[in-house]
PDB file of N, CA and C in Angstrom:
ATOM      1  N   MET A   1       2.777  -2.060  -7.554  1.00  0.00           N
ATOM      2  CA  MET A   1       2.852  -0.919  -7.851  1.00  0.00           C
ATOM      3  C   MET A   1       1.220  -0.207  -7.447  1.00  0.00           C
ATOM      4  N   SER A   2       0.504  -0.844  -6.891  1.00  0.00           N
ATOM      5  CA  SER A   2      -0.721  -0.339  -6.427  1.00  0.00           C
ATOM      6  C   SER A   2      -0.794   0.564  -5.258  1.00  0.00           C
ATOM      7  N   GLY A   3      -1.610   1.903  -5.294  1.00  0.00           N
ATOM      8  CA  GLY A   3      -1.486   2.530  -4.201  1.00  0.00           C
ATOM      9  C   GLY A   3      -0.521   3.950  -4.393  1.00  0.00           C
ATOM     10  N   GLN A   4       0.217   3.626  -5.763  1.00  0.00           N
ATOM     11  CA  GLN A   4       1.142   4.950  -5.565  1.00  0.00           C
ATOM     12  C   GLN A   4       0.838   6.016  -7.031  1.00  0.00           C
ATOM     13  N   TYR A   5      -0.453   5.406  -7.589  1.00  0.00           N
ATOM     14  CA  TYR A   5      -1.082   6.301  -8.692  1.00  0.00           C
ATOM     15  C   TYR A   5      -2.507   6.413  -8.348  1.00  0.00           C
ATOM     16  N   CYS A   6      -3.031   7.789  -9.317  1.00  0.00           N
ATOM     17  CA  CYS A   6      -4.363   7.942  -8.802  1.00  0.00           C
ATOM     18  C   CYS A   6      -4.940   8.838 -10.198  1.00  0.00           C
ATOM     19  N   ILE A   7      -6.071   9.055  -9.910  1.00  0.00           N
ATOM     20  CA  ILE A   7      -6.683   9.941 -10.903  1.00  0.00           C
ATOM     21  C   ILE A   7      -7.563  10.712 -10.240  1.00  0.00           C
ATOM     22  N   THR A   8      -7.173  12.133 -11.059  1.00  0.00           N
ATOM     23  CA  THR A   8      -7.813  13.336 -10.100  1.00  0.00           C
ATOM     24  C   THR A   8      -8.883  14.164 -11.202  1.00  0.00           C
ATOM     25  N   LEU A   9     -10.052  14.158 -10.406  1.00  0.00           N
ATOM     26  CA  LEU A   9     -11.216  14.669 -11.300  1.00  0.00           C
ATOM     27  C   LEU A   9     -11.155  16.268 -10.988  1.00  0.00           C
ATOM     28  N   THR A  10     -11.613  17.073 -12.055  1.00  0.00           N
ATOM     29  CA  THR A  10     -11.747  18.316 -12.075  1.00  0.00           C
ATOM     30  C   THR A  10     -13.113  18.730 -13.187  1.00  0.00           C
ATOM     31  N   THR A  11     -13.740  19.808 -13.070  1.00  0.00           N
ATOM     32  CA  THR A  11     -14.285  19.826 -13.847  1.00  0.00           C
ATOM     33  C   THR A  11     -14.431  21.478 -14.165  1.00  0.00           C
ATOM     34  N   THR A  12     -14.974  22.148 -15.260  1.00  0.00           N
ATOM     35  CA  THR A  12     -14.587  23.586 -15.653  1.00  0.00           C
ATOM     36  C   THR A  12     -16.004  23.669 -16.859  1.00  0.00           C
ATOM     37  N   ASN A  13     -16.316  25.152 -16.778  1.00  0.00           N
ATOM     38  CA  ASN A  13     -17.513  25.305 -17.690  1.00  0.00           C
ATOM     39  C   ASN A  13     -16.985  26.249 -19.367  1.00  0.00           C
ATOM     40  N   SER A  14     -15.563  26.135 -19.119  1.00  0.00           N
ATOM     41  CA  SER A  14     -14.764  27.194 -20.358  1.00  0.00           C
ATOM     42  C   SER A  14     -13.862  26.334 -20.788  1.00  0.00           C
ATOM     43  N   GLN A  15     -13.905  26.340 -22.081  1.00  0.00           N
ATOM     44  CA  GLN A  15     -12.784  25.544 -22.588  1.00  0.00           C
ATOM     45  C   GLN A  15     -11.650  26.216 -22.337  1.00  0.00           C
ATOM     46  N   PRO A  16     -11.452  27.524 -22.398  1.00  0.00           N
ATOM     47  CA  PRO A  16     -10.121  28.244 -22.202  1.00  0.00           C
ATOM     48  C   PRO A  16      -9.396  28.234 -21.035  1.00  0.00           C
ATOM     49  N   ASN A  17     -10.398  27.745 -19.697  1.00  0.00           N
ATOM     50  CA  ASN A  17      -9.810  27.489 -18.552  1.00  0.00           C
ATOM     51  C   ASN A  17      -9.163  26.224 -18.464  1.00  0.00           C
ATOM     52  N   CYS A  18     -10.027  25.203 -19.194  1.00  0.00           N
ATOM     53  CA  CYS A  18      -9.896  23.978 -19.576  1.00  0.00           C
ATOM     54  C   CYS A  18      -8.514  23.969 -19.856  1.00  0.00           C
ATOM     55  N   ASP A  19      -8.138  24.556 -21.156  1.00  0.00           N
ATOM     56  CA  ASP A  19      -7.204  24.519 -21.637  1.00  0.00           C
ATOM     57  C   ASP A  19      -5.747  24.859 -20.983  1.00  0.00           C
ATOM     58  N   GLU A  20      -6.173  26.148 -19.998  1.00  0.00           N
ATOM     59  CA  GLU A  20      -4.940  26.812 -19.326  1.00  0.00           C
ATOM     60  C   GLU A  20      -4.687  25.537 -18.145  1.00  0.00           C
ATOM     61  N   ILE A  21      -5.440  24.804 -17.836  1.00  0.00           N
ATOM     62  CA  ILE A  21      -5.101  23.814 -16.691  1.00  0.00           C
ATOM     63  C   ILE A  21      -4.411  22.963 -16.946  1.00  0.00           C
ATOM     64  N   ILE A  22      -5.047  22.206 -18.453  1.00  0.00           N
ATOM     65  CA  ILE A  22      -3.945  21.066 -19.171  1.00  0.00           C
ATOM     66  C   ILE A  22      -2.508  21.785 -19.446  1.00  0.00           C
ATOM     67  N   ALA A  23      -2.611  22.566 -19.892  1.00  0.00           N
ATOM     68  CA  ALA A  23      -1.319  23.124 -20.191  1.00  0.00           C
ATOM     69  C   ALA A  23      -0.620  23.261 -19.363  1.00  0.00           C
ATOM     70  N   LYS A  24      -0.683  24.003 -17.989  1.00  0.00           N
ATOM     71  CA  LYS A  24       0.277  24.182 -16.761  1.00  0.00           C
ATOM     72  C   LYS A  24       0.597  22.684 -16.354  1.00  0.00           C
ATOM     73  N   VAL A  25      -0.405  21.775 -15.798  1.00  0.00           N
ATOM     74  CA  VAL A  25      -0.370  20.611 -15.463  1.00  0.00           C
ATOM     75  C   VAL A  25       0.511  19.906 -16.131  1.00  0.00           C
ATOM     76  N   LEU A  26       0.688  19.835 -17.571  1.00  0.00           N
ATOM     77  CA  LEU A  26       1.622  18.695 -18.063  1.00  0.00           C
ATOM     78  C   LEU A  26       3.040  19.861 -18.303  1.00  0.00           C
ATOM     79  N   HIS A  27       2.981  21.021 -18.222  1.00  0.00           N
ATOM     80  CA  HIS A  27       4.492  21.665 -18.478  1.00  0.00           C
ATOM     81  C   HIS A  27       4.772  21.281 -16.988  1.00  0.00           C
ATOM     82  N   LEU A  28       3.852  21.467 -16.037  1.00  0.00           N
ATOM     83  CA  LEU A  28       4.942  21.198 -14.777  1.00  0.00           C
ATOM     84  C   LEU A  28       5.057  19.927 -14.432  1.00  0.00           C
ATOM     85  N   GLY A  29       4.617  18.466 -15.289  1.00  0.00           N
ATOM     86  CA  GLY A  29       5.169  17.235 -15.081  1.00  0.00           C
ATOM     87  C   GLY A  29       4.033  16.682 -14.187  1.00  0.00           C
ATOM     88  N   LEU A  30       3.241  17.133 -13.532  1.00  0.00           N
ATOM     89  CA  LEU A  30       2.301  16.965 -12.656  1.00  0.00           C
ATOM     90  C   LEU A  30       1.404  15.836 -13.007  1.00  0.00           C
ATOM     91  N   ALA A  31       1.423  15.854 -14.407  1.00  0.00           N
ATOM     92  CA  ALA A  31       0.481  14.539 -14.893  1.00  0.00           C
ATOM     93  C   ALA A  31       1.169  13.819 -16.084  1.00  0.00           C
ATOM     94  N   ALA A  32       0.649  12.588 -16.433  1.00  0.00           N
ATOM     95  CA  ALA A  32       1.077  11.635 -17.711  1.00  0.00           C
ATOM     96  C   ALA A  32       0.123  12.050 -18.746  1.00  0.00           C
ATOM     97  N   CYS A  33      -1.020  12.115 -18.288  1.00  0.00           N
ATOM     98  CA  CYS A  33      -2.185  12.194 -19.510  1.00  0.00           C
ATOM     99  C   CYS A  33      -3.218  12.793 -18.732  1.00  0.00           C
ATOM    100  N   ILE A  34      -3.998  13.686 -19.480  1.00  0.00           N
ATOM    101  CA  ILE A  34      -5.425  14.302 -19.002  1.00  0.00           C
ATOM    102  C   ILE A  34      -6.336  13.988 -20.383  1.00  0.00           C
ATOM    103  N   GLN A  35      -7.573  13.433 -20.131  1.00  0.00           N
ATOM    104  CA  GLN A  35      -8.725  13.345 -20.753  1.00  0.00           C
ATOM    105  C   GLN A  35      -9.563  14.276 -20.469  1.00  0.00           C
ATOM    106  N   THR A  36     -10.411  14.454 -21.635  1.00  0.00           N
ATOM    107  CA  THR A  36     -11.591  15.607 -21.417  1.00  0.00           C
ATOM    108  C   THR A  36     -12.934  15.277 -21.637  1.00  0.00           C
ATOM    109  N   MET A  37     -13.835  15.215 -21.502  1.00  0.00           N
ATOM    110  CA  MET A  37     -15.299  14.731 -22.123  1.00  0.00           C
ATOM    111  C   MET A  37     -16.294  15.815 -21.619  1.00  0.00           C
ATOM    112  N   PRO A  38     -17.412  16.379 -22.690  1.00  0.00           N
ATOM    113  CA  PRO A  38     -18.324  17.157 -21.965  1.00  0.00           C
ATOM    114  C   PRO A  38     -19.400  16.436 -21.320  1.00  0.00           C
ATOM    115  N   ILE A  39     -19.880  17.136 -20.275  1.00  0.00           N
ATOM    116  CA  ILE A  39     -20.624  16.257 -19.130  1.00  0.00           C
ATOM    117  C   ILE A  39     -22.162  17.643 -18.765  1.00  0.00           C
ATOM    118  N   GLN A  40     -22.945  17.141 -18.287  1.00  0.00           N
ATOM    119  CA  GLN A  40     -23.861  17.736 -17.797  1.00  0.00           C
ATOM    120  C   GLN A  40     -24.095  17.448 -16.351  1.00  0.00           C
ATOM    121  N   SER A  41     -23.402  18.694 -15.418  1.00  0.00           N
ATOM    122  CA  SER A  41     -23.576  18.393 -13.936  1.00  0.00           C
ATOM    123  C   SER A  41     -24.634  19.197 -13.143  1.00  0.00           C
ATOM    124  N   HIS A  42     -25.325  18.468 -12.452  1.00  0.00           N
ATOM    125  CA  HIS A  42     -26.353  18.803 -11.463  1.00  0.00           C
ATOM    126  C   HIS A  42     -26.221  18.948 -10.266  1.00  0.00           C
ATOM    127  N   TYR A  43     -26.385  20.091  -9.359  1.00  0.00           N
ATOM    128  CA  TYR A  43     -25.836  20.128  -8.365  1.00  0.00           C
ATOM    129  C   TYR A  43     -26.585  21.425  -7.528  1.00  0.00           C
ATOM    130  N   VAL A  44     -26.370  21.735  -6.227  1.00  0.00           N
ATOM    131  CA  VAL A  44     -26.797  22.575  -5.386  1.00  0.00           C
ATOM    132  C   VAL A  44     -25.645  23.839  -5.058  1.00  0.00           C
ATOM    133  N   TRP A  45     -25.641  25.078  -5.359  1.00  0.00           N
ATOM    134  CA  TRP A  45     -24.967  26.049  -5.028  1.00  0.00           C
ATOM    135  C   TRP A  45     -25.457  27.321  -4.760  1.00  0.00           C
ATOM    136  N   GLN A  46     -25.094  27.765  -3.525  1.00  0.00           N
ATOM    137  CA  GLN A  46     -25.681  29.140  -2.613  1.00  0.00           C
ATOM    138  C   GLN A  46     -27.319  28.684  -2.613  1.00  0.00           C
ATOM    139  N   GLY A  47     -27.665  27.367  -2.237  1.00  0.00           N
ATOM    140  CA  GLY A  47     -28.963  26.906  -1.947  1.00  0.00           C
ATOM    141  C   GLY A  47     -29.894  26.923  -3.171  1.00  0.00           C
ATOM    142  N   LYS A  48     -29.440  27.033  -4.334  1.00  0.00           N
ATOM    143  CA  LYS A  48     -30.355  26.925  -5.564  1.00  0.00           C
ATOM    144  C   LYS A  48     -29.684  25.537  -6.354  1.00  0.00           C
ATOM    145  N   VAL A  49     -30.585  25.026  -6.942  1.00  0.00           N
ATOM    146  CA  VAL A  49     -30.219  23.629  -7.703  1.00  0.00           C
ATOM    147  C   VAL A  49     -29.726  24.358  -9.202  1.00  0.00           C
ATOM    148  N   CYS A  50     -28.796  23.934  -9.409  1.00  0.00           N
ATOM    149  CA  CYS A  50     -28.570  24.187 -11.023  1.00  0.00           C
ATOM    150  C   CYS A  50     -28.042  23.024 -11.910  1.00  0.00           C
ATOM    151  N   SER A  51     -27.750  23.226 -13.253  1.00  0.00           N
ATOM    152  CA  SER A  51     -27.471  22.347 -14.084  1.00  0.00           C
ATOM    153  C   SER A  51     -26.757  23.087 -14.933  1.00  0.00           C
ATOM    154  N   ASP A  52     -25.643  22.856 -15.379  1.00  0.00           N
ATOM    155  CA  ASP A  52     -24.602  23.423 -16.389  1.00  0.00           C
ATOM    156  C   ASP A  52     -23.886  22.352 -17.177  1.00  0.00           C
ATOM    157  N   SER A  53     -23.624  22.866 -18.716  1.00  0.00           N
ATOM    158  CA  SER A  53     -22.603  22.181 -19.190  1.00  0.00           C
ATOM    159  C   SER A  53     -21.141  22.370 -18.697  1.00  0.00           C
ATOM    160  N   GLU A  54     -20.645  21.246 -18.710  1.00  0.00           N
ATOM    161  CA  GLU A  54     -19.144  21.155 -18.083  1.00  0.00           C
ATOM    162  C   GLU A  54     -18.212  20.217 -18.607  1.00  0.00           C
ATOM    163  N   ILE A  55     -16.872  20.748 -18.720  1.00  0.00           N
ATOM    164  CA  ILE A  55     -16.056  19.714 -19.367  1.00  0.00           C
ATOM    165  C   ILE A  55     -15.048  18.934 -18.027  1.00  0.00           C
ATOM    166  N   LEU A  56     -14.964  17.847 -17.849  1.00  0.00           N
ATOM    167  CA  LEU A  56     -14.760  16.890 -16.835  1.00  0.00           C
ATOM    168  C   LEU A  56     -13.054  16.769 -17.611  1.00  0.00           C
ATOM    169  N   MET A  57     -12.295  16.624 -16.480  1.00  0.00           N
ATOM    170  CA  MET A  57     -10.850  16.415 -16.813  1.00  0.00           C
ATOM    171  C   MET A  57     -10.469  15.261 -16.087  1.00  0.00           C
ATOM    172  N   ILE A  58      -9.911  13.988 -16.687  1.00  0.00           N
ATOM    173  CA  ILE A  58      -9.789  13.115 -15.847  1.00  0.00           C
ATOM    174  C   ILE A  58      -8.112  13.278 -16.101  1.00  0.00           C
ATOM    175  N   ILE A  59      -7.353  13.103 -15.035  1.00  0.00           N
ATOM    176  CA  ILE A  59      -6.152  13.557 -14.868  1.00  0.00           C
ATOM    177  C   ILE A  59      -5.198  12.139 -14.214  1.00  0.00           C
ATOM    178  N   LYS A  60      -4.679  11.744 -14.873  1.00  0.00           N
ATOM    179  CA  LYS A  60      -3.734  10.472 -14.828  1.00  0.00           C
ATOM    180  C   LYS A  60      -2.362  11.035 -13.821  1.00  0.00           C
ATOM    181  N   THR A  61      -2.142  10.273 -12.900  1.00  0.00           N
ATOM    182  CA  THR A  61      -0.655  10.705 -12.322  1.00  0.00           C
ATOM    183  C   THR A  61      -0.456  10.200 -11.100  1.00  0.00           C
ATOM    184  N   LYS A  62       0.734  10.604 -10.255  1.00  0.00           N
ATOM    185  CA  LYS A  62       1.035   9.567  -9.099  1.00  0.00           C
ATOM    186  C   LYS A  62       0.394  10.660  -7.697  1.00  0.00           C
ATOM    187  N   GLU A  63       0.146   9.798  -6.962  1.00  0.00           N
ATOM    188  CA  GLU A  63      -0.305  10.216  -5.415  1.00  0.00           C
ATOM    189  C   GLU A  63       0.921  10.976  -4.978  1.00  0.00           C
ATOM    190  N   SER A  64       1.795  10.776  -5.185  1.00  0.00           N
ATOM    191  CA  SER A  64       3.000  12.228  -4.469  1.00  0.00           C
ATOM    192  C   SER A  64       2.947  13.383  -5.369  1.00  0.00           C
ATOM    193  N   CYS A  65       2.264  13.555  -6.710  1.00  0.00           N
ATOM    194  CA  CYS A  65       1.812  15.124  -7.320  1.00  0.00           C
ATOM    195  C   CYS A  65       0.438  15.321  -6.615  1.00  0.00           C
ATOM    196  N   TYR A  66       0.028  14.870  -6.111  1.00  0.00           N
ATOM    197  CA  TYR A  66      -1.531  15.340  -5.362  1.00  0.00           C
ATOM    198  C   TYR A  66      -1.309  16.760  -5.212  1.00  0.00           C
ATOM    199  N   ALA A  67      -0.660  16.886  -4.230  1.00  0.00           N
ATOM    200  CA  ALA A  67      -1.010  18.493  -3.295  1.00  0.00           C
ATOM    201  C   ALA A  67      -0.345  19.523  -4.381  1.00  0.00           C
ATOM    202  N   GLN A  68       0.409  19.480  -5.654  1.00  0.00           N
ATOM    203  CA  GLN A  68       0.812  20.304  -6.015  1.00  0.00           C
ATOM    204  C   GLN A  68      -0.247  20.576  -7.273  1.00  0.00           C
ATOM    205  N   LEU A  69      -0.927  19.382  -7.715  1.00  0.00           N
ATOM    206  CA  LEU A  69      -1.613  19.400  -8.848  1.00  0.00           C
ATOM    207  C   LEU A  69      -3.177  19.865  -8.515  1.00  0.00           C
ATOM    208  N   GLU A  70      -3.448  19.722  -6.890  1.00  0.00           N
ATOM    209  CA  GLU A  70      -4.508  20.430  -6.658  1.00  0.00           C
ATOM    210  C   GLU A  70      -3.989  22.050  -6.326  1.00  0.00           C
ATOM    211  N   GLN A  71      -3.146  22.380  -5.693  1.00  0.00           N
ATOM    212  CA  GLN A  71      -2.594  23.707  -5.748  1.00  0.00           C
ATOM    213  C   GLN A  71      -2.721  24.547  -7.027  1.00  0.00           C
ATOM    214  N   THR A  72      -2.260  23.920  -8.020  1.00  0.00           N
ATOM    215  CA  THR A  72      -2.239  24.593  -9.643  1.00  0.00           C
ATOM    216  C   THR A  72      -3.790  24.455 -10.000  1.00  0.00           C
ATOM    217  N   ILE A  73      -4.228  23.639  -9.765  1.00  0.00           N
ATOM    218  CA  ILE A  73      -5.664  23.725 -10.269  1.00  0.00           C
ATOM    219  C   ILE A  73      -6.658  24.832  -9.445  1.00  0.00           C
ATOM    220  N   VAL A  74      -6.254  24.753  -8.552  1.00  0.00           N
ATOM    221  CA  VAL A  74      -6.936  25.946  -7.635  1.00  0.00           C
ATOM    222  C   VAL A  74      -6.420  27.241  -7.886  1.00  0.00           C
ATOM    223  N   ASP A  75      -5.352  27.177  -8.389  1.00  0.00           N
ATOM    224  CA  ASP A  75      -4.849  28.342  -8.683  1.00  0.00           C
ATOM    225  C   ASP A  75      -5.290  28.975 -10.046  1.00  0.00           C
ATOM    226  N   LEU A  76      -5.482  28.379 -10.804  1.00  0.00           N
ATOM    227  CA  LEU A  76      -5.989  28.392 -11.948  1.00  0.00           C
ATOM    228  C   LEU A  76      -7.381  28.624 -12.666  1.00  0.00           C
ATOM    229  N   HIS A  77      -7.957  27.801 -11.471  1.00  0.00           N
ATOM    230  CA  HIS A  77      -9.630  27.776 -11.818  1.00  0.00           C
ATOM    231  C   HIS A  77     -10.135  29.081 -11.604  1.00  0.00           C
ATOM    232  N   SER A  78     -11.364  28.806 -12.738  1.00  0.00           N
ATOM    233  CA  SER A  78     -12.390  30.122 -12.776  1.00  0.00           C
ATOM    234  C   SER A  78     -13.522  29.925 -11.445  1.00  0.00           C
ATOM    235  N   TYR A  79     -13.544  28.844 -11.130  1.00  0.00           N
ATOM    236  CA  TYR A  79     -14.587  28.598  -9.736  1.00  0.00           C
ATOM    237  C   TYR A  79     -14.117  29.090  -8.530  1.00  0.00           C
ATOM    238  N   ASP A  80     -15.079  29.486  -7.753  1.00  0.00           N
ATOM    239  CA  ASP A  80     -14.443  29.585  -6.373  1.00  0.00           C
ATOM    240  C   ASP A  80     -14.441  28.471  -5.472  1.00  0.00           C
ATOM    241  N   VAL A  81     -15.289  27.197  -5.753  1.00  0.00           N
ATOM    242  CA  VAL A  81     -15.019  26.298  -4.995  1.00  0.00           C
ATOM    243  C   VAL A  81     -14.810  25.030  -6.205  1.00  0.00           C
ATOM    244  N   PRO A  82     -13.438  24.788  -6.943  1.00  0.00           N
ATOM    245  CA  PRO A  82     -13.656  24.031  -7.949  1.00  0.00           C
ATOM    246  C   PRO A  82     -13.599  22.303  -7.456  1.00  0.00           C
ATOM    247  N   GLN A  83     -14.322  21.234  -8.149  1.00  0.00           N
ATOM    248  CA  GLN A  83     -14.129  20.149  -7.549  1.00  0.00           C
ATOM    249  C   GLN A  83     -12.828  19.528  -8.169  1.00  0.00           C
ATOM    250  N   VAL A  84     -12.138  19.035  -6.971  1.00  0.00           N
ATOM    251  CA  VAL A  84     -10.412  18.612  -6.982  1.00  0.00           C
ATOM    252  C   VAL A  84     -10.628  17.369  -6.260  1.00  0.00           C
ATOM    253  N   VAL A  85     -10.786  16.673  -6.726  1.00  0.00           N
ATOM    254  CA  VAL A  85     -10.896  14.925  -6.138  1.00  0.00           C
ATOM    255  C   VAL A  85      -9.945  13.886  -6.519  1.00  0.00           C
ATOM    256  N   GLN A  86      -9.166  12.937  -5.764  1.00  0.00           N
ATOM    257  CA  GLN A  86      -8.295  12.170  -5.831  1.00  0.00           C
ATOM    258  C   GLN A  86      -9.069  10.617  -5.823  1.00  0.00           C
ATOM    259  N   ILE A  87      -8.815   9.713  -6.897  1.00  0.00           N
ATOM    260  CA  ILE A  87      -9.415   8.296  -6.618  1.00  0.00           C
ATOM    261  C   ILE A  87      -7.981   7.637  -6.899  1.00  0.00           C
ATOM    262  N   PRO A  88      -7.626   6.770  -6.209  1.00  0.00           N
ATOM    263  CA  PRO A  88      -6.427   5.867  -6.181  1.00  0.00           C
ATOM    264  C   PRO A  88      -6.509   4.655  -7.126  1.00  0.00           C
ATOM    265  N   PHE A  89      -5.472   4.161  -7.666  1.00  0.00           N
ATOM    266  CA  PHE A  89      -5.741   3.116  -8.446  1.00  0.00           C
ATOM    267  C   PHE A  89      -5.611   1.863  -7.532  1.00  0.00           C
ATOM    268  N   THR A  90      -6.521   0.739  -7.653  1.00  0.00           N
ATOM    269  CA  THR A  90      -6.236  -0.569  -6.769  1.00  0.00           C
ATOM    270  C   THR A  90      -5.259  -1.206  -7.857  1.00  0.00           C
ATOM    271  N   LYS A  91      -5.145  -1.191  -9.240  1.00  0.00           N
ATOM    272  CA  LYS A  91      -4.381  -2.103 -10.002  1.00  0.00           C
ATOM    273  C   LYS A  91      -3.907  -1.498 -11.257  1.00  0.00           C
ATOM    274  N   GLY A  92      -3.493  -1.836 -11.931  1.00  0.00           N
ATOM    275  CA  GLY A  92      -3.002  -1.403 -13.859  1.00  0.00           C
ATOM    276  C   GLY A  92      -2.140  -1.939 -14.453  1.00  0.00           C
ATOM    277  N   PHE A  93      -2.340  -1.599 -15.470  1.00  0.00           N
ATOM    278  CA  PHE A  93      -1.385  -2.611 -16.189  1.00  0.00           C
ATOM    279  C   PHE A  93      -0.071  -1.975 -15.941  1.00  0.00           C
ATOM    280  N   ASN A  94       0.824  -3.094 -16.245  1.00  0.00           N
ATOM    281  CA  ASN A  94       1.972  -2.668 -15.439  1.00  0.00           C
ATOM    282  C   ASN A  94       3.318  -2.016 -16.376  1.00  0.00           C
ATOM    283  N   PRO A  95       3.085  -2.242 -17.904  1.00  0.00           N
ATOM    284  CA  PRO A  95       3.486  -1.052 -18.674  1.00  0.00           C
ATOM    285  C   PRO A  95       3.100   0.400 -18.744  1.00  0.00           C
ATOM    286  N   TYR A  96       1.548   0.195 -18.537  1.00  0.00           N
ATOM    287  CA  TYR A  96       1.150   1.704 -18.547  1.00  0.00           C
ATOM    288  C   TYR A  96       1.394   2.651 -17.113  1.00  0.00           C
ATOM    289  N   LEU A  97       1.361   1.824 -16.136  1.00  0.00           N
ATOM    290  CA  LEU A  97       2.033   2.307 -14.712  1.00  0.00           C
ATOM    291  C   LEU A  97       3.487   2.952 -14.785  1.00  0.00           C
ATOM    292  N   THR A  98       4.086   2.137 -15.746  1.00  0.00           N
ATOM    293  CA  THR A  98       5.288   2.536 -15.926  1.00  0.00           C
ATOM    294  C   THR A  98       5.754   3.770 -16.417  1.00  0.00           C
ATOM    295  N   TRP A  99       5.023   3.866 -17.598  1.00  0.00           N
ATOM    296  CA  TRP A  99       4.935   4.965 -18.776  1.00  0.00           C
ATOM    297  C   TRP A  99       4.120   6.245 -17.698  1.00  0.00           C
ATOM    298  N   LEU A 100       3.335   5.928 -17.175  1.00  0.00           N
ATOM    299  CA  LEU A 100       2.791   7.051 -15.914  1.00  0.00           C
ATOM    300  C   LEU A 100       3.652   7.704 -15.235  1.00  0.00           C
ATOM    301  N   ALA A 101       4.530   6.512 -14.600  1.00  0.00           N
ATOM    302  CA  ALA A 101       5.778   7.129 -13.361  1.00  0.00           C
ATOM    303  C   ALA A 101       6.940   8.157 -14.444  1.00  0.00           C
ATOM    304  N   GLU A 102       7.231   7.185 -15.610  1.00  0.00           N
ATOM    305  CA  GLU A 102       8.065   8.094 -16.373  1.00  0.00           C
ATOM    306  C   GLU A 102       8.114   9.199 -17.036  1.00  0.00           C
ATOM    307  N   ASN A 103       6.543   9.707 -16.928  1.00  0.00           N
ATOM    308  CA  ASN A 103       6.016  11.118 -17.648  1.00  0.00           C
ATOM    309  C   ASN A 103       5.297  11.835 -16.404  1.00  0.00           C
ATOM    310  N   THR A 104       5.970  11.786 -15.150  1.00  0.00           N
ATOM    311  CA  THR A 104       5.369  12.900 -14.343  1.00  0.00           C
ATOM    312  C   THR A 104       6.621  12.915 -13.190  1.00  0.00           C
ATOM    313  N   ARG A 105       6.822  14.321 -13.000  1.00  0.00           N
ATOM    314  CA  ARG A 105       7.872  14.591 -12.367  1.00  0.00           C
ATOM    315  C   ARG A 105       8.098  14.639 -10.311  1.00  0.00           C
ATOM    316  N   CYS A 106       7.005  14.173  -9.998  1.00  0.00           N
ATOM    317  CA  CYS A 106       6.864  14.254  -8.651  1.00  0.00           C
ATOM    318  C   CYS A 106       7.435  13.208  -8.189  1.00  0.00           C
TER     319      CYS A 106
END
């Protein structure tokens, strides 16, 4: 089962934007689970060093959902250039991966 599941990461600085993305992604069946946590981000934007409080979304899904998931996040996101990255699973507990597959539509 390895290679067909992934985590997608994105961040936002707005709880309403986070809630909107989560609701749409789950409604469309593009992920089985989304975890959130507050983080501090430090980055360069338009030549300036910036630091912001953000919300990290850890989205558990299948690789076959990634393209539609990415487009959904970009369409709803408040940032001009949101972080949207995919991290493939190399291994996982088989009953969990089965649950993940059963709860995604892609």
